[in-house]
Amino acid sequence: MPLPRSILQPVVPEDRDLAVVAGAIPEGLTGECFIAAPHTSTLGPPHAFFGAGMTYVLSLEPGTRGAAPGTFAWRQAWIDSPSARLQQKRPDAFVRSMLGTHSPFGLVNAANTASLPWGDRMFMTWDVGRPVEIDPVSLRYLGEVGRRDEWQVFDLLPGPVLPMITSTAHPIIDPDRDCLWTVNTYFGQLHIVRWDGEGPIQRWPIANAVVPQSVHTITQTRDWLVVGDCAFKVEAAVLTGGDRTEPANADEPIYLIRKADLDAAKSGTEVGCLRYELAPEMNHYYAQYDDRDGVVVMFEHTQNADIAMAAREGDIDAWGRPTDPAFYGLYGFSMTPARTTMHCFDPQRGERLEVAEIYDPERYHTRQLSAFDWSAEGWEHPEAVHSVYHGFRPEAVQQRMLDLYADRVDRAMLPTEEMPCTLATHSWDGLQTISEYRWRDTTDVATSPIFVPRSAGRDGRSRHAGERPGGLHGFVVVPVLSDHGMRVEIFDANNVGAGPLCTLASPNHAVPFVLHSAWTPTLGVVTDTDHAAFGDELGQIDQLDDDLANVAREVARELAEGLNPLA
């Protein structure tokens, strides 16, 4: 049975009230889940990742956010950023490519990849744009982080009002400094960015730190920031519609930057780093905050997958079949089994030691995403990671990919059967499998798992910490996509193998492709934020013709007056 055809199809997102259709809601389940996604009206070729950003919110407490008694609110909103407003007013001016959505205004900041809670605040992120803050209750756009002239703007393409800023979809919040750390790359040069929640950013170029491909993640310990080159490769020819000629790099540099060196340096001053090499390729990695015994980092390798390639017209899949047009724009899934490694870096000696690995070709193929206990207490000493694996999906592996990776992938070793999705709990210490659950139906697509702590914020703990922080004492919430409708399954984090404790659903509720998600306690309205106004960033508007310039001014006026035509 194939992947669901509905995951990339344009549907009208709807607010729904979800009911319990199986099992019972467990005691201690609280808070809300925020999910990032590309908007359905902008899904599709050449790459589904590049649709305009939207937010889904699932309330885990019945009767909240306007839901009927006994039901659970599923709410959605298009992020009404300047990018989205301009695109809505002049869709004829925007063109999609393998680098994003372009226009005479500049590059769309899709803000569609990850949700990032910060105290009572919520941010939506993307790799090629500033983090975007939204109100966690109304979901309306509040502003972008920093002013455009504080960032290194990538001038490969014109961007008079929508600058191209290469950053990362996974900034991090420093619990000790109460700041946001992210990156800004400029023709490969790595810059570290700090933002304290308002006002200007600080930015430091990192000496001898070159990023050959891209940065999708930044992670941290108490004393160190960790940045690795990630396996999203875009060659120059691809920007003009040509084909890739090289696979993603098989090995990548990893940079460790000491936070104390950044604290001591004036913004703009070059700061040093430690450099390591790591293989195979990866996109996501996570460091344990406690670094007294070394900088311990878990790397989720994307070995022989290619997120920068996508299915298109004329493609032939891994099993020699014409690719269904329903999958045009879907990124290239893995051609080999999933691999996860744990490494310990010793900054004093400059050494790196691999201490654990997950590699099981019979069980784990094509990792999707993972869930952790992101509370300060939980990340100090993590106990577990909950990972979703999509399994082997021949429809999402194209012959073009197999040809490009011919030196790395043995076609004879490709599975001869499709694999369903799997949710597996692995221990942080040693990466042993604690428990796993496998869906039976290959037409089910499990999306980003969400760890929800049990009874968070009680007995003097931080608001994000449960009764026993670390990732095992709580719940794992998994939205599951299907041609039969979306449902939400809730598992006991200590025993996902027992199956869902309960299932939430609404009849005929179609939800397409979604990306990263996050849990947060129920938050209040954000009213006091300081962001650069879009109207103050129109200094290059004379590069636009009069018609487009007037559209940009209209958007600036709407934002200044609090008007939202996308609501």
Protein backbone atom coordinates (compact mmCIF):
# COMPACT_ATOMS: atom_id res chain seq x y z
CA MET A 1 0.00 0.00 0.00
CA PRO A 2 1.36 3.46 -0.90
CA LEU A 3 1.97 6.74 0.87
CA PRO A 4 -1.24 8.76 1.28
CA ARG A 5 -1.99 10.90 -1.75
CA SER A 6 -3.43 13.64 0.44
CA ILE A 7 -0.16 14.78 2.06
CA LEU A 8 0.65 17.30 -0.68
CA GLN A 9 -2.85 18.09 -1.95
CA PRO A 10 -4.29 21.60 -1.58
CA VAL A 11 -7.10 21.60 0.96
CA VAL A 12 -8.67 24.42 2.94
CA PRO A 13 -7.30 24.29 6.51
CA GLU A 14 -10.09 24.23 9.06
CA ASP A 15 -10.53 24.83 12.75
CA ARG A 16 -11.89 21.61 14.23
CA ASP A 17 -12.95 20.25 17.61
CA LEU A 18 -11.41 16.79 18.04
CA ALA A 19 -13.22 14.11 20.02
CA VAL A 20 -11.89 11.04 21.79
CA VAL A 21 -12.62 8.18 19.37
CA ALA A 22 -10.62 5.47 21.17
CA GLY A 23 -9.26 4.99 24.69
CA ALA A 24 -9.40 7.70 27.33
CA ILE A 25 -7.50 10.93 27.98
CA PRO A 26 -4.82 10.20 30.61
CA GLU A 27 -4.53 12.18 33.81
CA GLY A 28 -1.85 14.88 33.87
CA LEU A 29 -2.07 15.82 30.17
CA THR A 30 -1.95 19.61 29.87
CA GLY A 31 -0.75 22.45 27.67
CA GLU A 32 -0.73 22.93 23.92
CA CYS A 33 1.12 21.56 20.88
CA PHE A 34 2.27 24.01 18.19
CA ILE A 35 2.95 22.57 14.75
CA ALA A 36 4.68 24.33 11.83
CA ALA A 37 3.65 23.66 8.25
CA PRO A 38 3.67 25.08 4.74
CA HIS A 39 0.25 26.45 3.81
CA THR A 40 -1.80 24.11 1.65
CA SER A 41 -2.42 26.70 -1.06
CA THR A 42 1.34 26.92 -1.70
CA LEU A 43 2.29 23.23 -1.48
CA GLY A 44 3.66 21.32 -4.43
CA PRO A 45 6.44 21.53 -7.02
CA PRO A 46 9.23 22.16 -7.21
CA HIS A 47 9.58 21.56 -3.43
CA ALA A 48 6.86 21.13 -0.82
CA PHE A 49 9.04 22.59 1.94
CA PHE A 50 8.81 26.07 0.50
CA GLY A 51 5.12 26.85 1.01
CA ALA A 52 4.13 29.92 3.01
CA GLY A 53 4.17 29.33 6.77
CA MET A 54 1.19 28.46 8.91
CA THR A 55 0.61 27.32 12.47
CA TYR A 56 -1.56 24.52 13.84
CA VAL A 57 -2.34 24.42 17.56
CA LEU A 58 -3.74 21.43 19.44
CA SER A 59 -5.04 22.15 22.93
CA LEU A 60 -4.64 19.16 25.24
CA GLU A 61 -7.23 20.43 27.71
CA PRO A 62 -10.87 19.94 26.69
CA GLY A 63 -13.11 22.93 26.18
CA THR A 64 -10.29 25.47 25.69
CA ARG A 65 -9.66 27.78 22.70
CA GLY A 66 -13.40 27.78 22.06
CA ALA A 67 -13.81 24.01 21.72
CA ALA A 68 -17.07 22.43 22.74
CA PRO A 69 -17.14 20.79 26.18
CA GLY A 70 -15.34 17.46 26.16
CA THR A 71 -13.57 18.14 22.86
CA PHE A 72 -10.08 19.38 22.01
CA ALA A 73 -9.41 22.46 19.91
CA TRP A 74 -7.43 22.08 16.68
CA ARG A 75 -6.83 25.62 15.43
CA GLN A 76 -4.90 26.97 12.48
CA ALA A 77 -3.73 30.28 11.04
CA TRP A 78 -1.74 31.55 8.09
CA ILE A 79 1.23 33.51 9.46
CA ASP A 80 0.31 37.02 8.32
CA SER A 81 3.89 38.20 7.80
CA PRO A 82 4.95 40.77 5.20
CA SER A 83 6.00 37.86 2.95
CA ALA A 84 2.56 36.23 3.15
CA ARG A 85 0.67 39.50 2.71
CA LEU A 86 2.67 40.49 -0.37
CA GLN A 87 2.25 37.03 -1.85
CA GLN A 88 -1.51 37.14 -1.26
CA LYS A 89 -1.88 40.58 -2.87
CA ARG A 90 0.32 39.87 -5.91
CA PRO A 91 0.58 36.08 -6.44
CA ASP A 92 1.47 36.73 -10.08
CA ALA A 93 4.77 38.28 -8.96
CA PHE A 94 6.00 35.19 -7.10
CA VAL A 95 7.86 32.23 -8.62
CA ARG A 96 8.84 29.00 -6.85
CA SER A 97 12.28 27.49 -7.22
CA MET A 98 14.48 24.92 -5.49
CA LEU A 99 15.75 27.70 -3.22
CA GLY A 100 12.38 29.08 -2.17
CA THR A 101 9.74 31.47 -3.49
CA HIS A 102 11.11 34.56 -5.25
CA SER A 103 9.64 37.82 -6.46
CA PRO A 104 10.73 41.37 -7.31
CA PHE A 105 10.07 42.08 -3.60
CA GLY A 106 12.70 39.50 -2.66
CA LEU A 107 12.69 36.01 -1.12
CA VAL A 108 9.70 34.83 0.93
CA ASN A 109 10.50 34.12 4.58
CA ALA A 110 8.35 31.00 4.74
CA ALA A 111 8.59 30.58 8.56
CA ASN A 112 7.10 27.12 8.07
CA THR A 113 9.54 24.63 9.62
CA ALA A 114 9.66 24.71 13.41
CA SER A 115 7.87 26.10 16.46
CA LEU A 116 10.12 27.54 19.20
CA PRO A 117 8.65 28.43 22.62
CA TRP A 118 10.52 31.01 24.70
CA GLY A 119 8.88 31.55 28.06
CA ASP A 120 5.46 33.02 27.27
CA ARG A 121 6.43 33.71 23.65
CA MET A 122 6.28 31.66 20.45
CA PHE A 123 8.50 31.84 17.36
CA MET A 124 8.16 30.18 13.94
CA THR A 125 11.33 29.55 11.96
CA TRP A 126 12.83 28.71 8.58
CA ASP A 127 16.38 28.25 7.28
CA VAL A 128 16.34 31.25 4.94
CA GLY A 129 14.84 34.00 7.03
CA ARG A 130 14.76 35.66 10.42
CA PRO A 131 12.77 33.93 13.20
CA VAL A 132 9.19 35.19 13.22
CA GLU A 133 7.31 35.88 16.46
CA ILE A 134 3.59 35.17 16.64
CA ASP A 135 1.06 35.76 19.41
CA PRO A 136 0.53 32.29 20.95
CA VAL A 137 -3.19 32.92 21.49
CA SER A 138 -4.40 34.85 18.44
CA LEU A 139 -1.58 33.36 16.27
CA ARG A 140 -1.17 36.76 14.58
CA TYR A 141 2.20 37.95 13.30
CA LEU A 142 4.17 40.18 15.69
CA GLY A 143 7.47 40.72 13.92
CA GLU A 144 10.85 39.33 12.88
CA VAL A 145 14.01 39.13 14.96
CA GLY A 146 16.33 42.10 14.46
CA ARG A 147 16.48 44.68 11.68
CA ARG A 148 17.57 43.66 8.19
CA ASP A 149 20.65 45.93 8.34
CA GLU A 150 21.88 44.04 11.44
CA TRP A 151 22.11 40.77 9.49
CA GLN A 152 24.33 39.73 6.62
CA VAL A 153 21.89 39.84 3.70
CA PHE A 154 22.66 37.33 0.97
CA ASP A 155 22.50 39.37 -2.25
CA LEU A 156 22.48 36.48 -4.72
CA LEU A 157 18.97 37.61 -5.67
CA PRO A 158 17.43 41.10 -5.40
CA GLY A 159 15.57 41.67 -2.13
CA PRO A 160 14.51 45.30 -1.84
CA VAL A 161 11.81 44.63 0.81
CA LEU A 162 12.15 40.88 1.50
CA PRO A 163 15.85 40.23 2.23
CA MET A 164 17.41 36.80 1.81
CA ILE A 165 18.95 35.97 5.20
CA THR A 166 20.46 32.51 5.59
CA SER A 167 19.93 31.39 9.16
CA THR A 168 18.68 28.13 10.70
CA ALA A 169 15.27 26.58 11.33
CA HIS A 170 16.40 25.51 14.81
CA PRO A 171 17.57 28.41 16.98
CA ILE A 172 17.93 27.66 20.68
CA ILE A 173 17.04 29.43 23.91
CA ASP A 174 19.81 29.74 26.50
CA PRO A 175 18.29 29.14 29.97
CA ASP A 176 21.18 30.81 31.79
CA ARG A 177 21.42 33.96 29.65
CA ASP A 178 17.72 34.10 28.67
CA CYS A 179 18.67 34.78 25.08
CA LEU A 180 18.17 33.26 21.65
CA TRP A 181 21.16 31.85 19.78
CA THR A 182 21.05 31.34 16.02
CA VAL A 183 23.35 31.66 13.01
CA ASN A 184 23.78 33.79 9.92
CA THR A 185 25.87 32.44 7.05
CA TYR A 186 27.18 34.60 4.25
CA PHE A 187 28.78 32.88 1.26
CA GLY A 188 29.79 30.08 3.63
CA GLN A 189 31.18 32.25 6.42
CA LEU A 190 29.59 31.31 9.74
CA HIS A 191 28.31 34.04 12.07
CA ILE A 192 26.81 33.40 15.51
CA VAL A 193 23.81 35.58 16.38
CA ARG A 194 22.48 36.44 19.85
CA TRP A 195 19.17 38.19 20.53
CA ASP A 196 18.02 39.14 24.01
CA GLY A 197 14.33 39.27 23.20
CA GLU A 198 14.11 42.87 22.03
CA GLY A 199 16.23 45.48 20.32
CA PRO A 200 19.19 44.78 18.04
CA ILE A 201 20.90 41.46 17.52
CA GLN A 202 24.57 40.84 18.22
CA ARG A 203 26.58 39.00 15.56
CA TRP A 204 30.09 37.55 15.60
CA PRO A 205 31.99 36.10 12.61
CA ILE A 206 33.63 32.82 13.58
CA ALA A 207 37.27 32.54 12.55
CA ASN A 208 38.04 29.82 9.97
CA ALA A 209 34.47 28.47 10.16
CA VAL A 210 33.20 27.77 6.66
CA VAL A 211 29.87 26.07 5.98
CA PRO A 212 30.13 24.15 2.68
CA GLN A 213 26.38 23.49 2.38
CA SER A 214 23.96 24.92 4.97
CA VAL A 215 23.11 25.11 8.67
CA HIS A 216 19.80 23.57 9.74
CA THR A 217 20.52 23.23 13.47
CA ILE A 218 22.40 24.90 16.29
CA THR A 219 22.61 23.19 19.68
CA GLN A 220 24.22 24.02 23.01
CA THR A 221 25.66 22.91 26.29
CA ARG A 222 26.11 25.13 29.32
CA ASP A 223 29.45 26.42 28.01
CA TRP A 224 29.43 25.66 24.27
CA LEU A 225 27.50 26.24 21.07
CA VAL A 226 27.68 23.46 18.49
CA VAL A 227 27.13 24.13 14.77
CA GLY A 228 27.46 21.60 11.98
CA ASP A 229 27.25 21.79 8.23
CA CYS A 230 24.02 20.09 7.17
CA ALA A 231 23.16 18.00 4.13
CA PHE A 232 21.07 20.47 2.13
CA LYS A 233 23.03 21.05 -1.05
CA VAL A 234 21.97 23.46 -3.76
CA GLU A 235 24.29 23.79 -6.74
CA ALA A 236 24.31 26.95 -8.84
CA ALA A 237 22.78 25.16 -11.82
CA VAL A 238 19.76 24.14 -9.75
CA LEU A 239 18.84 27.78 -9.20
CA THR A 240 18.14 28.15 -12.92
CA GLY A 241 16.27 24.87 -13.28
CA GLY A 242 19.22 22.56 -13.92
CA ASP A 243 19.95 19.17 -12.37
CA ARG A 244 22.19 18.36 -9.45
CA THR A 245 25.52 16.89 -10.48
CA GLU A 246 26.84 15.94 -7.01
CA PRO A 247 25.31 14.21 -3.98
CA ALA A 248 25.22 15.89 -0.59
CA ASN A 249 28.62 15.92 1.09
CA ALA A 250 29.43 12.63 2.82
CA ASP A 251 31.27 14.31 5.69
CA GLU A 252 30.86 17.67 7.32
CA PRO A 253 32.63 20.10 9.65
CA ILE A 254 31.43 20.53 13.22
CA TYR A 255 32.28 23.77 15.07
CA LEU A 256 32.36 24.28 18.84
CA ILE A 257 32.21 27.92 19.96
CA ARG A 258 32.75 28.80 23.61
CA LYS A 259 29.95 31.00 24.96
CA ALA A 260 32.35 32.82 27.27
CA ASP A 261 34.36 33.96 24.23
CA LEU A 262 31.21 35.48 22.75
CA ASP A 263 30.30 37.10 26.08
CA ALA A 264 33.71 38.77 26.17
CA ALA A 265 33.80 39.98 22.56
CA LYS A 266 32.15 43.05 21.13
CA SER A 267 29.54 42.35 18.47
CA GLY A 268 31.23 42.22 15.08
CA THR A 269 34.53 40.97 16.52
CA GLU A 270 35.89 37.71 15.16
CA VAL A 271 35.72 34.81 17.64
CA GLY A 272 37.57 31.51 17.47
CA CYS A 273 36.25 27.95 17.45
CA LEU A 274 37.24 24.30 17.57
CA ARG A 275 36.73 22.29 14.39
CA TYR A 276 35.97 18.58 14.00
CA GLU A 277 34.96 16.37 11.08
CA LEU A 278 32.02 13.99 11.14
CA ALA A 279 30.40 11.49 8.77
CA PRO A 280 27.93 10.54 7.45
CA GLU A 281 25.80 13.56 6.56
CA MET A 282 23.15 14.89 8.96
CA ASN A 283 20.57 17.63 9.52
CA HIS A 284 19.54 17.42 13.20
CA TYR A 285 21.72 17.08 16.29
CA TYR A 286 21.18 17.68 20.00
CA ALA A 287 23.64 18.30 22.84
CA GLN A 288 23.19 17.47 26.51
CA TYR A 289 23.22 20.73 28.46
CA ASP A 290 25.43 19.37 31.28
CA ASP A 291 28.96 19.37 29.83
CA ARG A 292 31.07 18.61 32.90
CA ASP A 293 32.09 15.24 31.39
CA GLY A 294 32.52 16.56 27.86
CA VAL A 295 30.30 17.94 25.10
CA VAL A 296 27.91 15.07 24.38
CA VAL A 297 25.96 15.38 21.11
CA MET A 298 23.49 13.02 19.45
CA PHE A 299 23.57 13.23 15.64
CA GLU A 300 20.63 12.07 13.51
CA HIS A 301 22.29 11.24 10.21
CA THR A 302 20.44 11.69 6.93
CA GLN A 303 22.66 9.18 5.19
CA ASN A 304 21.74 8.82 1.51
CA ALA A 305 18.60 10.89 1.80
CA ASP A 306 18.35 14.14 -0.11
CA ILE A 307 16.09 16.86 1.22
CA ALA A 308 17.30 19.24 -1.51
CA MET A 309 15.89 16.98 -4.24
CA ALA A 310 12.17 16.55 -4.89
CA ALA A 311 9.96 14.44 -7.12
CA ARG A 312 8.96 16.02 -10.41
CA GLU A 313 7.24 15.29 -13.69
CA GLY A 314 8.86 12.42 -15.59
CA ASP A 315 10.44 10.82 -12.52
CA ILE A 316 10.64 7.04 -12.08
CA ASP A 317 10.56 5.73 -8.53
CA ALA A 318 12.83 3.19 -6.82
CA TRP A 319 10.76 0.27 -8.09
CA GLY A 320 10.71 1.46 -11.69
CA ARG A 321 7.21 2.98 -11.69
CA PRO A 322 6.26 6.44 -13.00
CA THR A 323 5.98 8.74 -10.01
CA ASP A 324 2.43 9.68 -9.14
CA PRO A 325 1.86 13.43 -9.78
CA ALA A 326 0.40 13.59 -6.25
CA PHE A 327 3.99 13.36 -4.96
CA TYR A 328 5.56 16.07 -7.13
CA GLY A 329 7.47 18.30 -4.71
CA LEU A 330 8.02 15.60 -2.08
CA TYR A 331 11.62 15.50 -0.86
CA GLY A 332 13.84 12.45 -1.38
CA PHE A 333 13.49 9.89 1.41
CA SER A 334 16.42 7.78 2.56
CA MET A 335 17.81 5.09 0.29
CA THR A 336 19.57 3.32 3.18
CA PRO A 337 18.62 2.51 6.81
CA ALA A 338 18.59 5.24 9.46
CA ARG A 339 21.69 5.87 11.55
CA THR A 340 22.05 7.76 14.83
CA THR A 341 25.34 8.28 16.65
CA MET A 342 26.36 9.75 20.00
CA HIS A 343 29.70 11.55 20.26
CA CYS A 344 31.62 13.05 23.15
CA PHE A 345 33.89 15.98 22.32
CA ASP A 346 36.77 16.85 24.64
CA PRO A 347 37.54 20.54 23.99
CA GLN A 348 40.66 20.46 26.17
CA ARG A 349 42.32 17.73 24.10
CA GLY A 350 40.59 18.40 20.79
CA GLU A 351 39.37 14.81 20.68
CA ARG A 352 36.07 13.25 19.57
CA LEU A 353 34.86 9.82 20.64
CA GLU A 354 31.84 7.94 19.27
CA VAL A 355 30.16 6.37 22.28
CA ALA A 356 26.93 4.84 20.91
CA GLU A 357 25.01 4.12 17.70
CA ILE A 358 21.55 3.12 16.50
CA TYR A 359 21.56 1.17 13.24
CA ASP A 360 18.99 -1.56 12.57
CA PRO A 361 18.13 -2.08 8.86
CA GLU A 362 15.21 -4.36 9.70
CA ARG A 363 13.46 -1.84 11.96
CA TYR A 364 14.55 1.75 11.37
CA HIS A 365 14.46 3.37 7.94
CA THR A 366 13.98 7.05 6.99
CA ARG A 367 13.85 8.86 10.30
CA GLN A 368 11.28 11.59 10.30
CA LEU A 369 11.68 13.67 13.49
CA SER A 370 12.26 13.22 17.23
CA ALA A 371 10.84 14.43 20.53
CA PHE A 372 12.65 15.32 23.77
CA ASP A 373 11.88 16.81 27.14
CA TRP A 374 12.95 20.37 26.37
CA SER A 375 12.49 21.69 29.91
CA ALA A 376 15.64 23.08 31.52
CA GLU A 377 15.54 20.24 34.05
CA GLY A 378 14.96 17.59 31.39
CA TRP A 379 17.77 18.71 29.12
CA GLU A 380 20.24 18.95 31.97
CA HIS A 381 20.12 15.15 32.22
CA PRO A 382 18.06 13.65 29.38
CA GLU A 383 16.81 10.09 29.71
CA ALA A 384 15.21 9.34 26.35
CA VAL A 385 14.51 10.40 22.78
CA HIS A 386 11.31 9.43 20.96
CA SER A 387 11.85 9.04 17.20
CA VAL A 388 9.45 8.51 14.32
CA TYR A 389 10.72 6.51 11.34
CA HIS A 390 8.80 6.62 8.06
CA GLY A 391 10.09 3.27 6.85
CA PHE A 392 11.19 2.48 3.31
CA ARG A 393 8.96 4.31 0.81
CA PRO A 394 9.81 3.54 -2.83
CA GLU A 395 7.51 6.28 -4.12
CA ALA A 396 9.66 8.87 -2.34
CA VAL A 397 12.96 7.59 -3.81
CA GLN A 398 13.51 8.57 -7.43
CA GLN A 399 15.84 6.96 -9.94
CA ARG A 400 17.56 10.34 -10.33
CA MET A 401 18.58 10.07 -6.69
CA LEU A 402 19.81 6.51 -7.08
CA ASP A 403 21.89 7.57 -10.08
CA LEU A 404 23.36 10.54 -8.21
CA TYR A 405 24.26 8.36 -5.20
CA ALA A 406 25.38 5.33 -7.23
CA ASP A 407 28.76 5.20 -5.48
CA ARG A 408 27.11 5.07 -2.03
CA VAL A 409 23.90 3.07 -2.53
CA ASP A 410 23.72 -0.56 -3.61
CA ARG A 411 20.43 -0.90 -5.51
CA ALA A 412 20.44 -4.62 -4.83
CA MET A 413 20.11 -3.87 -1.10
CA LEU A 414 16.93 -1.80 -1.44
CA PRO A 415 14.00 -3.33 0.48
CA THR A 416 11.53 -5.25 -1.65
CA GLU A 417 8.57 -4.30 0.54
CA GLU A 418 7.29 -1.02 1.90
CA MET A 419 7.71 -0.42 5.62
CA PRO A 420 5.11 1.29 7.82
CA CYS A 421 5.98 4.06 10.25
CA THR A 422 7.54 3.26 13.62
CA LEU A 423 7.66 5.22 16.88
CA ALA A 424 10.68 4.16 18.94
CA THR A 425 11.91 5.28 22.36
CA HIS A 426 15.70 5.15 22.69
CA SER A 427 17.66 5.74 25.88
CA TRP A 428 19.95 8.76 25.87
CA ASP A 429 22.61 6.80 27.71
CA GLY A 430 23.79 4.19 25.22
CA LEU A 431 21.01 4.68 22.63
CA GLN A 432 19.32 1.42 23.54
CA THR A 433 15.78 0.82 22.31
CA ILE A 434 13.41 0.92 25.29
CA SER A 435 10.13 0.44 23.47
CA GLU A 436 8.65 0.76 19.99
CA TYR A 437 5.29 0.85 18.23
CA ARG A 438 4.79 0.06 14.53
CA TRP A 439 1.76 1.20 12.62
CA ARG A 440 0.23 -1.56 10.50
CA ASP A 441 -1.02 0.52 7.60
CA THR A 442 1.60 1.98 5.25
CA THR A 443 -0.92 4.64 4.20
CA ASP A 444 -0.53 6.16 7.67
CA VAL A 445 2.18 8.82 7.94
CA ALA A 446 3.24 9.60 11.50
CA THR A 447 4.49 13.16 11.80
CA SER A 448 6.70 14.98 14.29
CA PRO A 449 6.31 13.40 17.76
CA ILE A 450 5.76 15.76 20.68
CA PHE A 451 6.87 15.01 24.24
CA VAL A 452 4.40 16.30 26.84
CA PRO A 453 5.53 16.20 30.50
CA ARG A 454 3.08 14.82 33.04
CA SER A 455 1.62 17.44 35.41
CA ALA A 456 4.06 20.16 34.35
CA GLY A 457 5.01 23.11 36.51
CA ARG A 458 4.04 21.80 39.92
CA ASP A 459 5.98 21.61 43.21
CA GLY A 460 8.47 24.35 42.39
CA ARG A 461 9.49 23.02 38.97
CA SER A 462 9.73 25.25 35.91
CA ARG A 463 6.54 25.56 33.86
CA HIS A 464 7.90 23.18 31.21
CA ALA A 465 9.08 20.45 33.58
CA GLY A 466 7.01 17.44 34.62
CA GLU A 467 7.05 15.26 37.72
CA ARG A 468 10.26 13.47 36.65
CA PRO A 469 12.10 15.38 33.92
CA GLY A 470 14.12 13.57 31.27
CA GLY A 471 11.66 12.29 28.68
CA LEU A 472 10.17 9.08 30.07
CA HIS A 473 7.61 10.38 32.55
CA GLY A 474 4.91 11.90 30.38
CA PHE A 475 3.28 11.38 27.02
CA VAL A 476 4.20 11.29 23.33
CA VAL A 477 1.65 12.98 21.07
CA VAL A 478 1.77 12.01 17.38
CA PRO A 479 -0.44 13.54 14.66
CA VAL A 480 -0.98 10.85 12.00
CA LEU A 481 -1.83 11.79 8.40
CA SER A 482 -3.94 9.52 6.23
CA ASP A 483 -6.19 9.63 3.19
CA HIS A 484 -8.92 8.62 5.64
CA GLY A 485 -8.36 11.77 7.70
CA MET A 486 -5.93 13.11 10.29
CA ARG A 487 -5.96 11.74 13.84
CA VAL A 488 -3.88 12.40 16.95
CA GLU A 489 -2.56 9.45 18.95
CA ILE A 490 -1.32 9.85 22.52
CA PHE A 491 1.17 7.33 24.01
CA ASP A 492 2.65 6.69 27.44
CA ALA A 493 6.24 7.94 27.05
CA ASN A 494 7.50 5.10 29.24
CA ASN A 495 5.88 2.42 27.08
CA VAL A 496 5.02 3.52 23.54
CA GLY A 497 5.01 -0.15 22.53
CA ALA A 498 1.70 -0.64 24.36
CA GLY A 499 0.02 1.45 21.69
CA PRO A 500 -1.99 4.66 21.98
CA LEU A 501 -3.65 5.47 25.28
CA CYS A 502 -6.23 7.40 23.30
CA THR A 503 -6.96 8.77 19.84
CA LEU A 504 -8.44 12.15 18.94
CA ALA A 505 -10.09 12.80 15.58
CA SER A 506 -12.79 14.67 13.69
CA PRO A 507 -14.72 13.18 10.74
CA ASN A 508 -13.18 13.74 7.29
CA HIS A 509 -10.52 16.06 8.68
CA ALA A 510 -7.83 16.40 6.00
CA VAL A 511 -4.46 17.79 7.06
CA PRO A 512 -1.55 17.66 4.60
CA PHE A 513 2.21 17.79 5.10
CA VAL A 514 3.43 19.21 8.47
CA LEU A 515 6.91 19.70 9.89
CA HIS A 516 8.39 20.24 13.38
CA SER A 517 6.27 20.68 16.48
CA ALA A 518 6.69 21.71 20.11
CA TRP A 519 4.84 21.50 23.42
CA THR A 520 4.29 24.43 25.72
CA PRO A 521 2.15 25.19 28.76
CA THR A 522 -0.94 27.19 27.91
CA LEU A 523 0.36 30.70 27.27
CA GLY A 524 -1.11 34.16 27.74
CA VAL A 525 -1.38 36.93 25.16
CA VAL A 526 1.90 38.63 24.24
CA THR A 527 1.34 42.40 24.23
CA ASP A 528 4.74 43.98 24.87
CA THR A 529 7.17 43.08 22.11
CA ASP A 530 9.76 45.19 20.30
CA HIS A 531 10.30 44.40 16.64
CA ALA A 532 11.40 46.40 13.64
CA ALA A 533 8.35 47.66 11.74
CA PHE A 534 8.07 46.54 8.12
CA GLY A 535 7.49 50.17 7.19
CA ASP A 536 10.93 51.05 8.57
CA GLU A 537 12.62 48.52 6.28
CA LEU A 538 11.56 49.98 2.93
CA GLY A 539 14.78 51.92 2.28
CA GLN A 540 15.31 50.10 -1.04
CA ILE A 541 11.71 50.35 -2.25
CA ASP A 542 12.80 52.54 -5.18
CA GLN A 543 14.11 49.35 -6.81
CA LEU A 544 10.49 48.30 -7.38
CA ASP A 545 8.20 49.63 -10.07
CA ASP A 546 5.49 51.99 -8.84
CA ASP A 547 2.75 49.35 -8.77
CA LEU A 548 4.72 46.90 -6.60
CA ALA A 549 6.08 49.71 -4.43
CA ASN A 550 2.53 50.80 -3.66
CA VAL A 551 1.63 47.22 -2.69
CA ALA A 552 4.58 47.15 -0.24
CA ARG A 553 3.46 50.47 1.25
CA GLU A 554 -0.08 49.13 1.61
CA VAL A 555 1.22 46.10 3.52
CA ALA A 556 3.30 48.38 5.77
CA ARG A 557 0.19 50.48 6.51
CA GLU A 558 -1.94 47.41 7.30
CA LEU A 559 0.68 46.09 9.70
CA ALA A 560 1.05 49.46 11.41
CA GLU A 561 -2.73 49.72 11.86
CA GLY A 562 -3.16 46.13 13.05
CA LEU A 563 -5.22 45.07 10.03
CA ASN A 564 -5.11 41.41 8.96
CA PRO A 565 -6.61 40.63 5.53
CA LEU A 566 -5.45 37.00 5.86
CA ALA A 567 -7.54 36.27 8.97
